[in-house]
Amino acid sequence: MNGQNDIAVSVTNLEKRFGAFTAVNKINFEVKKGEIFGFLGPNGAGKSTTIRMLCGILMPTSGEGTVGGYDIQRSGEDKREHRIYVAEVLPL
């Protein structure tokens, strides 16, 4: 595998605003297939909001993202059924 075929998740300038509040501020990252990816940050950093956008639960204000080759802004309900969202907080 090489090129775009080995990318499982791609995010470019992804942003989510709620009125004047910016919850996710133009983030960029890629996760390759088979890669273990940790998404860490303090409370209120936008982790859950980002995951909700990637799952199709929230629409981004701007930016682009793909999950499994599906565009997060253009994929319909039929594509969302292939996504799983499990949130867990691990004690430190």
PDB file of N, CA and C in Angstrom:
ATOM      1  N   MET A   1       0.835  -1.191   0.000  1.00  0.00           N
ATOM      2  CA  MET A   1       0.000   0.000   0.000  1.00  0.00           C
ATOM      3  C   MET A   1       0.874   1.247   0.000  1.00  0.00           C
ATOM      4  N   ASN A   2       0.430   2.232  -0.738  1.00  0.00           N
ATOM      5  CA  ASN A   2       1.097   3.518  -0.687  1.00  0.00           C
ATOM      6  C   ASN A   2       0.148   4.608  -1.138  1.00  0.00           C
ATOM      7  N   GLY A   3       0.512   5.833  -0.868  1.00  0.00           N
ATOM      8  CA  GLY A   3      -0.324   6.956  -1.252  1.00  0.00           C
ATOM      9  C   GLY A   3      -1.577   7.054  -0.404  1.00  0.00           C
ATOM     10  N   GLN A   4      -2.660   7.524  -1.017  1.00  0.00           N
ATOM     11  CA  GLN A   4      -3.916   7.735  -0.304  1.00  0.00           C
ATOM     12  C   GLN A   4      -4.541   6.430   0.178  1.00  0.00           C
ATOM     13  N   ASN A   5      -4.209   5.300  -0.438  1.00  0.00           N
ATOM     14  CA  ASN A   5      -4.826   4.034  -0.055  1.00  0.00           C
ATOM     15  C   ASN A   5      -4.457   3.575   1.341  1.00  0.00           C
ATOM     16  N   ASP A   6      -3.347   4.045   1.906  1.00  0.00           N
ATOM     17  CA  ASP A   6      -3.010   3.617   3.264  1.00  0.00           C
ATOM     18  C   ASP A   6      -3.399   4.641   4.320  1.00  0.00           C
ATOM     19  N   ILE A   7      -4.228   5.607   3.987  1.00  0.00           N
ATOM     20  CA  ILE A   7      -4.703   6.597   4.949  1.00  0.00           C
ATOM     21  C   ILE A   7      -6.121   6.207   5.395  1.00  0.00           C
ATOM     22  N   ALA A   8      -6.288   5.982   6.700  1.00  0.00           N
ATOM     23  CA  ALA A   8      -7.599   5.637   7.248  1.00  0.00           C
ATOM     24  C   ALA A   8      -8.396   6.885   7.600  1.00  0.00           C
ATOM     25  N   VAL A   9      -7.718   7.878   8.173  1.00  0.00           N
ATOM     26  CA  VAL A   9      -8.370   9.126   8.575  1.00  0.00           C
ATOM     27  C   VAL A   9      -7.477  10.284   8.135  1.00  0.00           C
ATOM     28  N   SER A  10      -8.088  11.264   7.501  1.00  0.00           N
ATOM     29  CA  SER A  10      -7.350  12.449   7.079  1.00  0.00           C
ATOM     30  C   SER A  10      -8.162  13.683   7.446  1.00  0.00           C
ATOM     31  N   VAL A  11      -7.520  14.650   8.086  1.00  0.00           N
ATOM     32  CA  VAL A  11      -8.178  15.885   8.510  1.00  0.00           C
ATOM     33  C   VAL A  11      -7.317  17.064   8.061  1.00  0.00           C
ATOM     34  N   THR A  12      -7.931  18.016   7.364  1.00  0.00           N
ATOM     35  CA  THR A  12      -7.223  19.195   6.880  1.00  0.00           C
ATOM     36  C   THR A  12      -8.000  20.450   7.258  1.00  0.00           C
ATOM     37  N   ASN A  13      -7.370  21.284   8.085  1.00  0.00           N
ATOM     38  CA  ASN A  13      -7.954  22.565   8.509  1.00  0.00           C
ATOM     39  C   ASN A  13      -9.381  22.417   9.050  1.00  0.00           C
ATOM     40  N   LEU A  14      -9.625  21.335   9.776  1.00  0.00           N
ATOM     41  CA  LEU A  14     -10.955  21.067  10.310  1.00  0.00           C
ATOM     42  C   LEU A  14     -11.273  22.042  11.437  1.00  0.00           C
ATOM     43  N   GLU A  15     -12.448  22.656  11.335  1.00  0.00           N
ATOM     44  CA  GLU A  15     -12.841  23.674  12.303  1.00  0.00           C
ATOM     45  C   GLU A  15     -14.313  23.502  12.658  1.00  0.00           C
ATOM     46  N   LYS A  16     -14.625  23.743  13.939  1.00  0.00           N
ATOM     47  CA  LYS A  16     -16.010  23.769  14.385  1.00  0.00           C
ATOM     48  C   LYS A  16     -16.197  24.948  15.316  1.00  0.00           C
ATOM     49  N   ARG A  17     -17.153  25.822  14.925  1.00  0.00           N
ATOM     50  CA  ARG A  17     -17.495  26.969  15.752  1.00  0.00           C
ATOM     51  C   ARG A  17     -18.943  26.849  16.189  1.00  0.00           C
ATOM     52  N   PHE A  18     -19.202  27.284  17.400  1.00  0.00           N
ATOM     53  CA  PHE A  18     -20.551  27.408  17.937  1.00  0.00           C
ATOM     54  C   PHE A  18     -20.733  28.885  18.247  1.00  0.00           C
ATOM     55  N   GLY A  19     -21.316  29.620  17.319  1.00  0.00           N
ATOM     56  CA  GLY A  19     -21.400  31.069  17.475  1.00  0.00           C
ATOM     57  C   GLY A  19     -20.007  31.668  17.452  1.00  0.00           C
ATOM     58  N   ALA A  20     -19.684  32.451  18.476  1.00  0.00           N
ATOM     59  CA  ALA A  20     -18.362  33.085  18.569  1.00  0.00           C
ATOM     60  C   ALA A  20     -17.307  32.156  19.151  1.00  0.00           C
ATOM     61  N   PHE A  21     -17.735  31.006  19.701  1.00  0.00           N
ATOM     62  CA  PHE A  21     -16.807  30.066  20.346  1.00  0.00           C
ATOM     63  C   PHE A  21     -16.247  29.087  19.322  1.00  0.00           C
ATOM     64  N   THR A  22     -14.921  28.986  19.253  1.00  0.00           N
ATOM     65  CA  THR A  22     -14.261  28.024  18.373  1.00  0.00           C
ATOM     66  C   THR A  22     -13.884  26.799  19.199  1.00  0.00           C
ATOM     67  N   ALA A  23     -14.557  25.678  18.936  1.00  0.00           N
ATOM     68  CA  ALA A  23     -14.306  24.440  19.676  1.00  0.00           C
ATOM     69  C   ALA A  23     -13.132  23.661  19.085  1.00  0.00           C
ATOM     70  N   VAL A  24     -12.999  23.686  17.766  1.00  0.00           N
ATOM     71  CA  VAL A  24     -11.899  23.012  17.060  1.00  0.00           C
ATOM     72  C   VAL A  24     -11.338  24.029  16.082  1.00  0.00           C
ATOM     73  N   ASN A  25     -10.035  24.296  16.195  1.00  0.00           N
ATOM     74  CA  ASN A  25      -9.430  25.402  15.463  1.00  0.00           C
ATOM     75  C   ASN A  25      -8.473  24.920  14.374  1.00  0.00           C
ATOM     76  N   LYS A  26      -9.021  24.582  13.215  1.00  0.00           N
ATOM     77  CA  LYS A  26      -8.243  24.265  12.012  1.00  0.00           C
ATOM     78  C   LYS A  26      -7.139  23.237  12.274  1.00  0.00           C
ATOM     79  N   ILE A  27      -7.529  22.051  12.716  1.00  0.00           N
ATOM     80  CA  ILE A  27      -6.551  21.003  13.007  1.00  0.00           C
ATOM     81  C   ILE A  27      -6.254  20.174  11.761  1.00  0.00           C
ATOM     82  N   ASN A  28      -5.071  19.565  11.749  1.00  0.00           N
ATOM     83  CA  ASN A  28      -4.601  18.730  10.645  1.00  0.00           C
ATOM     84  C   ASN A  28      -3.952  17.480  11.211  1.00  0.00           C
ATOM     85  N   PHE A  29      -4.336  16.307  10.684  1.00  0.00           N
ATOM     86  CA  PHE A  29      -3.630  15.073  11.014  1.00  0.00           C
ATOM     87  C   PHE A  29      -4.049  13.967  10.063  1.00  0.00           C
ATOM     88  N   GLU A  30      -3.238  12.924  10.006  1.00  0.00           N
ATOM     89  CA  GLU A  30      -3.544  11.726   9.237  1.00  0.00           C
ATOM     90  C   GLU A  30      -3.255  10.513  10.103  1.00  0.00           C
ATOM     91  N   VAL A  31      -4.073   9.490   9.924  1.00  0.00           N
ATOM     92  CA  VAL A  31      -3.862   8.208  10.585  1.00  0.00           C
ATOM     93  C   VAL A  31      -3.819   7.157   9.489  1.00  0.00           C
ATOM     94  N   LYS A  32      -2.729   6.406   9.438  1.00  0.00           N
ATOM     95  CA  LYS A  32      -2.597   5.354   8.434  1.00  0.00           C
ATOM     96  C   LYS A  32      -3.333   4.097   8.896  1.00  0.00           C
ATOM     97  N   LYS A  33      -3.746   3.286   7.938  1.00  0.00           N
ATOM     98  CA  LYS A  33      -4.380   2.015   8.250  1.00  0.00           C
ATOM     99  C   LYS A  33      -3.437   1.187   9.117  1.00  0.00           C
ATOM    100  N   GLY A  34      -3.974   0.590  10.180  1.00  0.00           N
ATOM    101  CA  GLY A  34      -3.189  -0.251  11.069  1.00  0.00           C
ATOM    102  C   GLY A  34      -2.406   0.503  12.125  1.00  0.00           C
ATOM    103  N   GLU A  35      -2.410   1.816  12.055  1.00  0.00           N
ATOM    104  CA  GLU A  35      -1.670   2.644  12.997  1.00  0.00           C
ATOM    105  C   GLU A  35      -2.483   2.858  14.274  1.00  0.00           C
ATOM    106  N   ILE A  36      -1.806   2.886  15.402  1.00  0.00           N
ATOM    107  CA  ILE A  36      -2.442   3.231  16.669  1.00  0.00           C
ATOM    108  C   ILE A  36      -2.238   4.722  16.876  1.00  0.00           C
ATOM    109  N   PHE A  37      -3.331   5.418  17.121  1.00  0.00           N
ATOM    110  CA  PHE A  37      -3.291   6.878  17.182  1.00  0.00           C
ATOM    111  C   PHE A  37      -3.910   7.325  18.494  1.00  0.00           C
ATOM    112  N   GLY A  38      -3.171   8.086  19.287  1.00  0.00           N
ATOM    113  CA  GLY A  38      -3.698   8.642  20.526  1.00  0.00           C
ATOM    114  C   GLY A  38      -4.124  10.081  20.315  1.00  0.00           C
ATOM    115  N   PHE A  39      -5.333  10.389  20.723  1.00  0.00           N
ATOM    116  CA  PHE A  39      -5.888  11.729  20.559  1.00  0.00           C
ATOM    117  C   PHE A  39      -6.043  12.307  21.961  1.00  0.00           C
ATOM    118  N   LEU A  40      -5.026  13.023  22.417  1.00  0.00           N
ATOM    119  CA  LEU A  40      -4.945  13.467  23.802  1.00  0.00           C
ATOM    120  C   LEU A  40      -5.009  14.977  23.916  1.00  0.00           C
ATOM    121  N   GLY A  41      -5.527  15.441  25.041  1.00  0.00           N
ATOM    122  CA  GLY A  41      -5.565  16.866  25.311  1.00  0.00           C
ATOM    123  C   GLY A  41      -6.390  17.131  26.549  1.00  0.00           C
ATOM    124  N   PRO A  42      -6.282  18.338  27.089  1.00  0.00           N
ATOM    125  CA  PRO A  42      -7.032  18.674  28.300  1.00  0.00           C
ATOM    126  C   PRO A  42      -8.530  18.787  28.016  1.00  0.00           C
ATOM    127  N   ASN A  43      -9.313  18.809  29.087  1.00  0.00           N
ATOM    128  CA  ASN A  43     -10.749  19.023  28.954  1.00  0.00           C
ATOM    129  C   ASN A  43     -10.997  20.319  28.182  1.00  0.00           C
ATOM    130  N   GLY A  44     -11.942  20.267  27.256  1.00  0.00           N
ATOM    131  CA  GLY A  44     -12.284  21.461  26.484  1.00  0.00           C
ATOM    132  C   GLY A  44     -11.392  21.717  25.287  1.00  0.00           C
ATOM    133  N   ALA A  45     -10.483  20.787  24.972  1.00  0.00           N
ATOM    134  CA  ALA A  45      -9.558  20.997  23.857  1.00  0.00           C
ATOM    135  C   ALA A  45     -10.178  20.723  22.492  1.00  0.00           C
ATOM    136  N   GLY A  46     -11.363  20.091  22.462  1.00  0.00           N
ATOM    137  CA  GLY A  46     -12.026  19.817  21.190  1.00  0.00           C
ATOM    138  C   GLY A  46     -11.922  18.380  20.716  1.00  0.00           C
ATOM    139  N   LYS A  47     -11.451  17.473  21.571  1.00  0.00           N
ATOM    140  CA  LYS A  47     -11.299  16.069  21.168  1.00  0.00           C
ATOM    141  C   LYS A  47     -12.641  15.433  20.813  1.00  0.00           C
ATOM    142  N   SER A  48     -13.596  15.536  21.701  1.00  0.00           N
ATOM    143  CA  SER A  48     -14.917  14.924  21.452  1.00  0.00           C
ATOM    144  C   SER A  48     -15.618  15.570  20.274  1.00  0.00           C
ATOM    145  N   THR A  49     -15.502  16.868  20.139  1.00  0.00           N
ATOM    146  CA  THR A  49     -16.112  17.570  19.007  1.00  0.00           C
ATOM    147  C   THR A  49     -15.503  17.078  17.697  1.00  0.00           C
ATOM    148  N   THR A  50     -14.195  16.895  17.671  1.00  0.00           N
ATOM    149  CA  THR A  50     -13.526  16.386  16.469  1.00  0.00           C
ATOM    150  C   THR A  50     -14.028  14.988  16.127  1.00  0.00           C
ATOM    151  N   ILE A  51     -14.091  14.107  17.116  1.00  0.00           N
ATOM    152  CA  ILE A  51     -14.560  12.746  16.880  1.00  0.00           C
ATOM    153  C   ILE A  51     -16.009  12.756  16.391  1.00  0.00           C
ATOM    154  N   ARG A  52     -16.827  13.603  16.952  1.00  0.00           N
ATOM    155  CA  ARG A  52     -18.230  13.701  16.501  1.00  0.00           C
ATOM    156  C   ARG A  52     -18.318  14.169  15.051  1.00  0.00           C
ATOM    157  N   MET A  53     -17.422  15.049  14.645  1.00  0.00           N
ATOM    158  CA  MET A  53     -17.397  15.456  13.234  1.00  0.00           C
ATOM    159  C   MET A  53     -16.969  14.287  12.349  1.00  0.00           C
ATOM    160  N   LEU A  54     -15.963  13.547  12.778  1.00  0.00           N
ATOM    161  CA  LEU A  54     -15.478  12.414  11.993  1.00  0.00           C
ATOM    162  C   LEU A  54     -16.533  11.319  11.871  1.00  0.00           C
ATOM    163  N   CYS A  55     -17.393  11.200  12.864  1.00  0.00           N
ATOM    164  CA  CYS A  55     -18.463  10.194  12.846  1.00  0.00           C
ATOM    165  C   CYS A  55     -19.713  10.668  12.109  1.00  0.00           C
ATOM    166  N   GLY A  56     -19.753  11.922  11.726  1.00  0.00           N
ATOM    167  CA  GLY A  56     -20.921  12.441  11.032  1.00  0.00           C
ATOM    168  C   GLY A  56     -22.022  12.904  11.955  1.00  0.00           C
ATOM    169  N   ILE A  57     -21.736  13.000  13.250  1.00  0.00           N
ATOM    170  CA  ILE A  57     -22.726  13.459  14.222  1.00  0.00           C
ATOM    171  C   ILE A  57     -22.852  14.979  14.174  1.00  0.00           C
ATOM    172  N   LEU A  58     -21.732  15.670  13.971  1.00  0.00           N
ATOM    173  CA  LEU A  58     -21.690  17.127  13.821  1.00  0.00           C
ATOM    174  C   LEU A  58     -21.091  17.459  12.462  1.00  0.00           C
ATOM    175  N   MET A  59     -21.590  18.506  11.846  1.00  0.00           N
ATOM    176  CA  MET A  59     -20.999  18.971  10.598  1.00  0.00           C
ATOM    177  C   MET A  59     -19.927  20.012  10.907  1.00  0.00           C
ATOM    178  N   PRO A  60     -18.772  19.934  10.255  1.00  0.00           N
ATOM    179  CA  PRO A  60     -17.739  20.946  10.456  1.00  0.00           C
ATOM    180  C   PRO A  60     -18.187  22.312   9.967  1.00  0.00           C
ATOM    181  N   THR A  61     -17.656  23.348  10.580  1.00  0.00           N
ATOM    182  CA  THR A  61     -17.885  24.707  10.091  1.00  0.00           C
ATOM    183  C   THR A  61     -17.068  24.925   8.821  1.00  0.00           C
ATOM    184  N   SER A  62     -15.844  24.406   8.818  1.00  0.00           N
ATOM    185  CA  SER A  62     -14.992  24.485   7.632  1.00  0.00           C
ATOM    186  C   SER A  62     -13.935  23.392   7.711  1.00  0.00           C
ATOM    187  N   GLY A  63     -13.191  23.243   6.630  1.00  0.00           N
ATOM    188  CA  GLY A  63     -12.153  22.231   6.561  1.00  0.00           C
ATOM    189  C   GLY A  63     -12.655  20.960   5.903  1.00  0.00           C
ATOM    190  N   GLU A  64     -11.767  19.974   5.856  1.00  0.00           N
ATOM    191  CA  GLU A  64     -12.063  18.719   5.169  1.00  0.00           C
ATOM    192  C   GLU A  64     -11.655  17.542   6.030  1.00  0.00           C
ATOM    193  N   GLY A  65     -12.317  16.413   5.807  1.00  0.00           N
ATOM    194  CA  GLY A  65     -11.947  15.196   6.496  1.00  0.00           C
ATOM    195  C   GLY A  65     -12.486  13.983   5.779  1.00  0.00           C
ATOM    196  N   THR A  66     -11.728  12.903   5.843  1.00  0.00           N
ATOM    197  CA  THR A  66     -12.198  11.624   5.314  1.00  0.00           C
ATOM    198  C   THR A  66     -11.955  10.548   6.361  1.00  0.00           C
ATOM    199  N   VAL A  67     -12.874   9.601   6.399  1.00  0.00           N
ATOM    200  CA  VAL A  67     -12.755   8.426   7.264  1.00  0.00           C
ATOM    201  C   VAL A  67     -13.043   7.217   6.391  1.00  0.00           C
ATOM    202  N   GLY A  68     -12.062   6.349   6.262  1.00  0.00           N
ATOM    203  CA  GLY A  68     -12.245   5.173   5.419  1.00  0.00           C
ATOM    204  C   GLY A  68     -12.544   5.514   3.975  1.00  0.00           C
ATOM    205  N   GLY A  69     -12.035   6.650   3.530  1.00  0.00           N
ATOM    206  CA  GLY A  69     -12.253   7.087   2.154  1.00  0.00           C
ATOM    207  C   GLY A  69     -13.527   7.880   1.936  1.00  0.00           C
ATOM    208  N   TYR A  70     -14.374   7.985   2.953  1.00  0.00           N
ATOM    209  CA  TYR A  70     -15.625   8.733   2.836  1.00  0.00           C
ATOM    210  C   TYR A  70     -15.442  10.162   3.330  1.00  0.00           C
ATOM    211  N   ASP A  71     -15.913  11.112   2.546  1.00  0.00           N
ATOM    212  CA  ASP A  71     -15.870  12.527   2.913  1.00  0.00           C
ATOM    213  C   ASP A  71     -16.868  12.765   4.043  1.00  0.00           C
ATOM    214  N   ILE A  72     -16.406  13.332   5.150  1.00  0.00           N
ATOM    215  CA  ILE A  72     -17.280  13.501   6.318  1.00  0.00           C
ATOM    216  C   ILE A  72     -18.393  14.513   6.075  1.00  0.00           C
ATOM    217  N   GLN A  73     -18.245  15.377   5.095  1.00  0.00           N
ATOM    218  CA  GLN A  73     -19.292  16.366   4.817  1.00  0.00           C
ATOM    219  C   GLN A  73     -20.268  15.895   3.751  1.00  0.00           C
ATOM    220  N   ARG A  74     -19.892  14.901   2.974  1.00  0.00           N
ATOM    221  CA  ARG A  74     -20.748  14.474   1.862  1.00  0.00           C
ATOM    222  C   ARG A  74     -21.344  13.080   2.051  1.00  0.00           C
ATOM    223  N   SER A  75     -20.849  12.322   2.995  1.00  0.00           N
ATOM    224  CA  SER A  75     -21.337  10.961   3.195  1.00  0.00           C
ATOM    225  C   SER A  75     -22.710  10.979   3.846  1.00  0.00           C
ATOM    226  N   GLY A  76     -23.603  10.199   3.304  1.00  0.00           N
ATOM    227  CA  GLY A  76     -24.951  10.100   3.849  1.00  0.00           C
ATOM    228  C   GLY A  76     -25.040   9.078   4.965  1.00  0.00           C
ATOM    229  N   GLU A  77     -26.252   8.822   5.400  1.00  0.00           N
ATOM    230  CA  GLU A  77     -26.505   7.874   6.487  1.00  0.00           C
ATOM    231  C   GLU A  77     -25.947   6.494   6.176  1.00  0.00           C
ATOM    232  N   ASP A  78     -25.970   6.082   4.903  1.00  0.00           N
ATOM    233  CA  ASP A  78     -25.487   4.750   4.551  1.00  0.00           C
ATOM    234  C   ASP A  78     -24.003   4.582   4.865  1.00  0.00           C
ATOM    235  N   LYS A  79     -23.232   5.654   4.842  1.00  0.00           N
ATOM    236  CA  LYS A  79     -21.805   5.571   5.163  1.00  0.00           C
ATOM    237  C   LYS A  79     -21.572   5.625   6.672  1.00  0.00           C
ATOM    238  N   ARG A  80     -22.438   6.338   7.391  1.00  0.00           N
ATOM    239  CA  ARG A  80     -22.274   6.486   8.838  1.00  0.00           C
ATOM    240  C   ARG A  80     -22.453   5.163   9.571  1.00  0.00           C
ATOM    241  N   GLU A  81     -23.187   4.242   8.995  1.00  0.00           N
ATOM    242  CA  GLU A  81     -23.411   2.973   9.685  1.00  0.00           C
ATOM    243  C   GLU A  81     -22.122   2.164   9.826  1.00  0.00           C
ATOM    244  N   HIS A  82     -21.066   2.530   9.112  1.00  0.00           N
ATOM    245  CA  HIS A  82     -19.796   1.816   9.175  1.00  0.00           C
ATOM    246  C   HIS A  82     -18.833   2.410  10.193  1.00  0.00           C
ATOM    247  N   ARG A  83     -19.253   3.450  10.896  1.00  0.00           N
ATOM    248  CA  ARG A  83     -18.392   4.116  11.872  1.00  0.00           C
ATOM    249  C   ARG A  83     -18.814   3.733  13.276  1.00  0.00           C
ATOM    250  N   ILE A  84     -17.833   3.556  14.126  1.00  0.00           N
ATOM    251  CA  ILE A  84     -18.081   3.221  15.527  1.00  0.00           C
ATOM    252  C   ILE A  84     -17.429   4.285  16.381  1.00  0.00           C
ATOM    253  N   TYR A  85     -18.152   4.754  17.384  1.00  0.00           N
ATOM    254  CA  TYR A  85     -17.631   5.784  18.281  1.00  0.00           C
ATOM    255  C   TYR A  85     -17.722   5.279  19.709  1.00  0.00           C
ATOM    256  N   VAL A  86     -16.569   5.091  20.329  1.00  0.00           N
ATOM    257  CA  VAL A  86     -16.512   4.664  21.728  1.00  0.00           C
ATOM    258  C   VAL A  86     -15.623   5.658  22.465  1.00  0.00           C
ATOM    259  N   ALA A  87     -16.223   6.359  23.419  1.00  0.00           N
ATOM    260  CA  ALA A  87     -15.450   7.329  24.205  1.00  0.00           C
ATOM    261  C   ALA A  87     -15.144   6.711  25.561  1.00  0.00           C
ATOM    262  N   GLU A  88     -13.912   6.833  25.991  1.00  0.00           N
ATOM    263  CA  GLU A  88     -13.507   6.299  27.284  1.00  0.00           C
ATOM    264  C   GLU A  88     -12.464   7.218  27.903  1.00  0.00           C
ATOM    265  N   VAL A  89     -12.624   7.459  29.162  1.00  0.00           N
ATOM    266  CA  VAL A  89     -11.657   8.256  29.900  1.00  0.00           C
ATOM    267  C   VAL A  89     -10.842   7.299  30.750  1.00  0.00           C
ATOM    268  N   LEU A  90      -9.548   7.336  30.579  1.00  0.00           N
ATOM    269  CA  LEU A  90      -8.668   6.461  31.349  1.00  0.00           C
ATOM    270  C   LEU A  90      -8.085   7.221  32.524  1.00  0.00           C
ATOM    271  N   PRO A  91      -8.162   6.636  33.724  1.00  0.00           N
ATOM    272  CA  PRO A  91      -7.585   7.322  34.885  1.00  0.00           C
ATOM    273  C   PRO A  91      -6.056   7.371  34.780  1.00  0.00           C
ATOM    274  N   LEU A  92      -5.500   8.442  35.266  1.00  0.00           N
ATOM    275  CA  LEU A  92      -4.032   8.596  35.254  1.00  0.00           C
ATOM    276  C   LEU A  92      -3.455   8.236  36.594  1.00  0.00           C
TER     277      LEU A  92
END
